Amino acid sequence: MNSYTTSSAECFATWKKPASNLKPQCIIIPAYNEGKTIGDVVKKCRHMTDFSIIVVDDHSSDETRHQAAQHGAFVVPLPMRLGAWGATQTGLRVAALSHCTLAVTMDGDGQHDPSSIPSLVGPLLAGKADVVIGSCPQRGTLARRIAWTFFRHLTNLHVFDITSGFRALNHKAISLFASERATLLDYQDLGVLLLARQHGLRILEVPVVMCERRNGASRVFRHWGIVFWYLVYTSVLGLSKRDYFPLKQADSTTLSPSSPSN
């Protein structure tokens, strides 16, 4: 057990006390052993926006928690590792508890460029979408492109960059993704988007530029064996949520940018 571990009671108390100090708009960054990059990411976010920045430290063994706090983030330290979606949902629950009306989720490894945040939040502020995805299809490796194409056909989701964690959410989406209905999702990509569609949320993709990952590696697309498990696991989820007999809903328009088909 490392020196940065905290108890669940301490963790809950930390969420409750400063929550009222958060602004209505926030940036949520789940981070696991991102001590080398998280400080710079937080710094760039503060330079680009005046949003509150929530870093959820997913039980890191390095200085992620301290680097984030040192650069001005509100840090939520988890007493055990929950994974990318569990950490993201923790941040969303803090945002919901704090009555935030807009949230941006992004990675802590430097891959997502904070300068794209205005492009993400613009459609939300204009009332054109409930969920906006920062899309960069050209970043896809062969394995990633295979997965994207497969899941688009399996689920009828008209989204090109399915695995992008760079997203902006309005109050309706924050409330849904922070709820118990989203708790058991293992991967933050397809399951979350299917849940959004199931509840009639409008999904929009906007093109963004993504940088090379400065620290760590994808937990899914680094090995073909893991990719195969991801395809099987997510296929079961996709089939269970597929709209075989879709109902017409006035508020469930799905939009996507023009992009080459894969």
Protein backbone atom coordinates (compact mmCIF):
# COMPACT_ATOMS: atom_id res chain seq x y z
CA MET A 1 0.00 0.00 0.00
CA ASN A 2 1.49 3.35 -1.04
CA SER A 3 1.69 6.64 0.83
CA TYR A 4 -1.00 8.25 -1.35
CA THR A 5 -3.75 5.80 -0.39
CA THR A 6 -6.74 7.22 1.47
CA SER A 7 -9.70 5.61 3.19
CA SER A 8 -13.18 5.58 1.63
CA ALA A 9 -14.48 7.69 4.52
CA GLU A 10 -11.81 10.32 3.92
CA CYS A 11 -12.51 10.17 0.19
CA PHE A 12 -16.25 10.78 0.66
CA ALA A 13 -15.62 13.63 3.10
CA THR A 14 -13.25 15.24 0.58
CA TRP A 15 -15.94 15.17 -2.12
CA LYS A 16 -18.62 16.68 0.11
CA LYS A 17 -16.88 19.71 1.60
CA PRO A 18 -15.44 21.51 -1.45
CA ALA A 19 -18.24 20.52 -3.84
CA SER A 20 -20.16 23.75 -3.29
CA ASN A 21 -17.07 25.70 -4.40
CA LEU A 22 -17.08 24.26 -7.90
CA LYS A 23 -18.23 26.39 -10.80
CA PRO A 24 -21.24 25.45 -12.98
CA GLN A 25 -18.83 24.30 -15.71
CA CYS A 26 -16.14 21.74 -15.00
CA ILE A 27 -13.48 19.57 -16.61
CA ILE A 28 -13.24 15.98 -15.37
CA ILE A 29 -9.93 14.14 -15.78
CA PRO A 30 -9.63 10.51 -14.66
CA ALA A 31 -5.98 9.75 -14.01
CA TYR A 32 -4.01 6.64 -13.16
CA ASN A 33 -0.24 7.06 -12.73
CA GLU A 34 -0.20 10.23 -14.84
CA GLY A 35 2.23 12.07 -12.57
CA LYS A 36 4.48 12.99 -15.50
CA THR A 37 1.74 14.70 -17.49
CA ILE A 38 -1.20 15.65 -15.27
CA GLY A 39 0.32 18.91 -14.03
CA ASP A 40 0.84 20.20 -17.57
CA VAL A 41 -2.66 19.08 -18.61
CA VAL A 42 -4.26 20.92 -15.68
CA LYS A 43 -2.16 24.00 -16.37
CA LYS A 44 -3.26 24.10 -20.03
CA CYS A 45 -6.91 23.62 -19.06
CA ARG A 46 -6.72 26.54 -16.64
CA HIS A 47 -5.14 28.66 -19.35
CA MET A 48 -7.89 27.84 -21.88
CA THR A 49 -10.97 28.07 -19.61
CA ASP A 50 -12.19 29.28 -16.25
CA PHE A 51 -13.89 25.92 -15.60
CA SER A 52 -13.35 24.07 -12.36
CA ILE A 53 -10.99 21.12 -12.89
CA ILE A 54 -11.74 17.81 -11.17
CA VAL A 55 -8.96 15.22 -11.27
CA VAL A 56 -10.07 11.78 -10.09
CA ASP A 57 -6.95 9.94 -8.97
CA ASP A 58 -7.68 6.27 -9.68
CA HIS A 59 -5.55 4.95 -6.78
CA SER A 60 -2.26 5.91 -8.44
CA SER A 61 1.07 4.78 -7.04
CA ASP A 62 2.95 7.87 -8.25
CA GLU A 63 2.53 11.61 -7.62
CA THR A 64 -0.56 12.10 -9.80
CA ARG A 65 -2.65 13.33 -6.89
CA HIS A 66 -0.05 15.82 -5.65
CA GLN A 67 0.87 17.14 -9.11
CA ALA A 68 -2.79 17.77 -9.92
CA ALA A 69 -3.43 19.57 -6.63
CA GLN A 70 -0.24 21.60 -6.96
CA HIS A 71 -1.43 22.94 -10.32
CA GLY A 72 -4.84 23.98 -9.00
CA ALA A 73 -7.16 21.02 -9.57
CA PHE A 74 -9.77 19.74 -7.14
CA VAL A 75 -8.55 16.18 -6.55
CA VAL A 76 -10.79 13.24 -5.69
CA PRO A 77 -8.53 10.39 -4.44
CA LEU A 78 -10.08 6.95 -4.81
CA PRO A 79 -9.38 4.32 -2.11
CA MET A 80 -9.26 1.58 -4.76
CA ARG A 81 -8.81 1.42 -8.50
CA LEU A 82 -12.10 1.68 -10.41
CA GLY A 83 -10.81 1.89 -13.99
CA ALA A 84 -11.30 4.66 -16.54
CA TRP A 85 -15.09 4.69 -16.53
CA GLY A 86 -15.43 4.25 -12.75
CA ALA A 87 -13.11 7.20 -12.20
CA THR A 88 -14.92 9.27 -14.83
CA GLN A 89 -18.30 8.49 -13.30
CA THR A 90 -16.97 9.47 -9.87
CA GLY A 91 -16.10 12.87 -11.33
CA LEU A 92 -19.55 13.12 -12.91
CA ARG A 93 -21.16 12.36 -9.56
CA VAL A 94 -19.13 15.13 -7.96
CA ALA A 95 -20.28 17.42 -10.77
CA ALA A 96 -23.92 16.39 -10.31
CA LEU A 97 -23.65 16.87 -6.54
CA SER A 98 -22.24 20.34 -7.18
CA HIS A 99 -25.08 21.22 -9.59
CA CYS A 100 -22.74 21.61 -12.57
CA THR A 101 -24.62 22.27 -15.80
CA LEU A 102 -21.77 21.45 -18.20
CA ALA A 103 -18.87 19.01 -17.98
CA VAL A 104 -15.97 18.13 -20.25
CA THR A 105 -14.28 14.75 -19.84
CA MET A 106 -10.72 14.27 -21.08
CA ASP A 107 -7.63 12.15 -20.54
CA GLY A 108 -4.71 13.05 -18.31
CA ASP A 109 -1.98 11.74 -20.63
CA GLY A 110 -1.75 14.83 -22.86
CA GLN A 111 -3.55 13.24 -25.82
CA HIS A 112 -6.52 15.62 -25.68
CA ASP A 113 -5.75 19.24 -26.50
CA PRO A 114 -7.52 21.72 -24.16
CA SER A 115 -7.58 24.26 -27.01
CA SER A 116 -10.39 22.15 -28.53
CA ILE A 117 -12.67 22.62 -25.50
CA PRO A 118 -14.48 25.68 -26.97
CA SER A 119 -15.35 23.59 -30.06
CA LEU A 120 -16.84 20.90 -27.82
CA VAL A 121 -18.92 23.14 -25.58
CA GLY A 122 -20.18 25.41 -28.37
CA PRO A 123 -22.96 23.06 -29.59
CA LEU A 124 -24.09 22.48 -25.99
CA LEU A 125 -24.40 26.20 -25.33
CA ALA A 126 -26.28 26.61 -28.61
CA GLY A 127 -28.73 23.87 -27.58
CA LYS A 128 -27.82 21.66 -30.56
CA ALA A 129 -26.72 18.57 -28.64
CA ASP A 130 -26.65 16.87 -25.24
CA VAL A 131 -23.40 14.97 -25.80
CA VAL A 132 -20.56 16.28 -27.99
CA ILE A 133 -17.69 13.96 -28.93
CA GLY A 134 -14.24 15.21 -29.93
CA SER A 135 -13.68 13.07 -33.02
CA CYS A 136 -10.33 12.21 -34.59
CA PRO A 137 -10.84 9.09 -36.78
CA GLN A 138 -7.43 9.41 -38.43
CA ARG A 139 -5.71 8.55 -35.13
CA GLY A 140 -7.03 5.00 -35.33
CA THR A 141 -4.69 2.03 -35.51
CA LEU A 142 -5.77 -1.00 -37.56
CA ALA A 143 -7.24 -2.66 -34.46
CA ARG A 144 -9.10 0.50 -33.48
CA ARG A 145 -10.52 0.98 -36.97
CA ILE A 146 -11.71 -2.62 -37.09
CA ALA A 147 -13.45 -2.16 -33.75
CA TRP A 148 -15.04 1.14 -34.80
CA THR A 149 -16.40 -0.27 -38.06
CA PHE A 150 -17.64 -3.47 -36.43
CA PHE A 151 -19.52 -1.65 -33.67
CA ARG A 152 -21.07 0.91 -36.00
CA HIS A 153 -22.65 -1.93 -37.98
CA LEU A 154 -23.56 -3.92 -34.87
CA THR A 155 -25.30 -1.10 -33.02
CA ASN A 156 -26.44 1.30 -35.78
CA LEU A 157 -24.66 4.09 -33.91
CA HIS A 158 -23.74 6.82 -36.37
CA VAL A 159 -20.55 7.76 -34.55
CA PHE A 160 -17.12 7.54 -36.16
CA ASP A 161 -14.76 7.93 -33.18
CA ILE A 162 -16.54 5.58 -30.77
CA THR A 163 -13.65 5.30 -28.29
CA SER A 164 -12.96 9.00 -27.81
CA GLY A 165 -13.10 10.01 -24.15
CA PHE A 166 -12.90 13.70 -25.07
CA ARG A 167 -16.53 14.73 -24.62
CA ALA A 168 -18.74 17.57 -23.46
CA LEU A 169 -21.98 16.90 -21.60
CA ASN A 170 -24.92 19.08 -20.65
CA HIS A 171 -26.90 18.75 -17.42
CA LYS A 172 -29.17 16.05 -18.81
CA ALA A 173 -26.20 13.90 -19.86
CA ILE A 174 -24.34 14.50 -16.57
CA SER A 175 -27.38 13.30 -14.61
CA LEU A 176 -27.78 10.18 -16.77
CA PHE A 177 -24.11 9.16 -16.74
CA ALA A 178 -23.82 9.77 -13.00
CA SER A 179 -26.82 7.54 -12.29
CA GLU A 180 -26.85 3.89 -11.24
CA ARG A 181 -27.90 2.89 -14.77
CA ALA A 182 -24.38 3.72 -15.95
CA THR A 183 -22.50 2.25 -12.99
CA LEU A 184 -21.80 -1.26 -14.27
CA LEU A 185 -20.41 -0.19 -17.63
CA ASP A 186 -16.82 -1.40 -17.94
CA TYR A 187 -15.77 0.59 -20.99
CA GLN A 188 -16.61 4.27 -21.23
CA ASP A 189 -17.17 4.32 -24.99
CA LEU A 190 -19.87 2.17 -26.55
CA GLY A 191 -21.90 1.45 -23.41
CA VAL A 192 -22.18 5.14 -22.56
CA LEU A 193 -23.22 6.07 -26.10
CA LEU A 194 -25.84 3.32 -26.23
CA LEU A 195 -27.21 4.50 -22.89
CA ALA A 196 -27.39 8.06 -24.24
CA ARG A 197 -29.25 6.91 -27.36
CA GLN A 198 -31.61 4.75 -25.31
CA HIS A 199 -32.64 7.86 -23.34
CA GLY A 200 -33.05 10.06 -26.42
CA LEU A 201 -29.97 12.25 -25.94
CA ARG A 202 -28.70 14.06 -29.02
CA ILE A 203 -25.13 13.07 -29.94
CA LEU A 204 -22.90 15.28 -32.07
CA GLU A 205 -19.30 14.76 -33.20
CA VAL A 206 -16.95 17.67 -33.87
CA PRO A 207 -13.50 17.23 -35.42
CA VAL A 208 -10.54 17.80 -33.10
CA VAL A 209 -6.80 17.29 -33.33
CA MET A 210 -5.35 14.77 -30.88
CA CYS A 211 -1.73 14.61 -29.80
CA GLU A 212 0.45 11.56 -29.36
CA ARG A 213 -0.03 9.91 -25.98
CA ARG A 214 2.78 11.25 -23.77
CA ASN A 215 2.49 8.65 -21.04
CA GLY A 216 1.25 5.04 -20.81
CA ALA A 217 -0.63 3.05 -23.47
CA SER A 218 -4.19 2.20 -24.42
CA ARG A 219 -5.52 -0.51 -22.14
CA VAL A 220 -7.54 -2.02 -25.01
CA PHE A 221 -5.63 -1.55 -28.26
CA ARG A 222 -2.14 -2.45 -27.12
CA HIS A 223 -2.54 -6.21 -27.69
CA TRP A 224 -4.67 -8.26 -30.12
CA GLY A 225 -5.76 -10.64 -27.35
CA ILE A 226 -7.22 -7.75 -25.37
CA VAL A 227 -8.79 -6.37 -28.54
CA PHE A 228 -10.51 -9.73 -29.11
CA TRP A 229 -11.91 -9.75 -25.55
CA TYR A 230 -13.05 -6.15 -25.96
CA LEU A 231 -14.86 -7.05 -29.20
CA VAL A 232 -16.64 -10.02 -27.58
CA TYR A 233 -17.53 -8.21 -24.35
CA THR A 234 -18.77 -5.08 -26.07
CA SER A 235 -20.62 -7.05 -28.75
CA VAL A 236 -22.80 -8.66 -26.08
CA LEU A 237 -23.51 -5.21 -24.67
CA GLY A 238 -24.18 -3.81 -28.14
CA LEU A 239 -26.62 -6.58 -29.09
CA SER A 240 -28.49 -6.21 -25.81
CA LYS A 241 -28.97 -2.49 -26.41
CA ARG A 242 -29.56 -2.50 -30.16
CA ASP A 243 -32.75 -0.86 -31.38
CA TYR A 244 -34.20 -3.66 -33.49
CA PHE A 245 -37.54 -1.86 -33.60
CA PRO A 246 -36.55 1.80 -33.13
CA LEU A 247 -39.21 4.19 -31.92
CA LYS A 248 -39.46 7.64 -33.43
CA GLN A 249 -38.43 10.25 -30.85
CA ALA A 250 -38.53 13.98 -31.42
CA ASP A 251 -35.47 14.71 -29.29
CA SER A 252 -33.18 11.86 -30.30
CA THR A 253 -31.52 13.30 -33.41
CA THR A 254 -28.05 11.89 -33.92
CA LEU A 255 -25.60 14.08 -35.82
CA SER A 256 -22.10 13.39 -37.08
CA PRO A 257 -19.47 15.33 -38.99
CA SER A 258 -18.57 14.48 -42.53
CA SER A 259 -15.85 11.89 -42.35
CA PRO A 260 -14.47 9.21 -44.62
CA SER A 261 -16.05 5.83 -44.09
CA ASN A 262 -13.83 3.09 -42.74
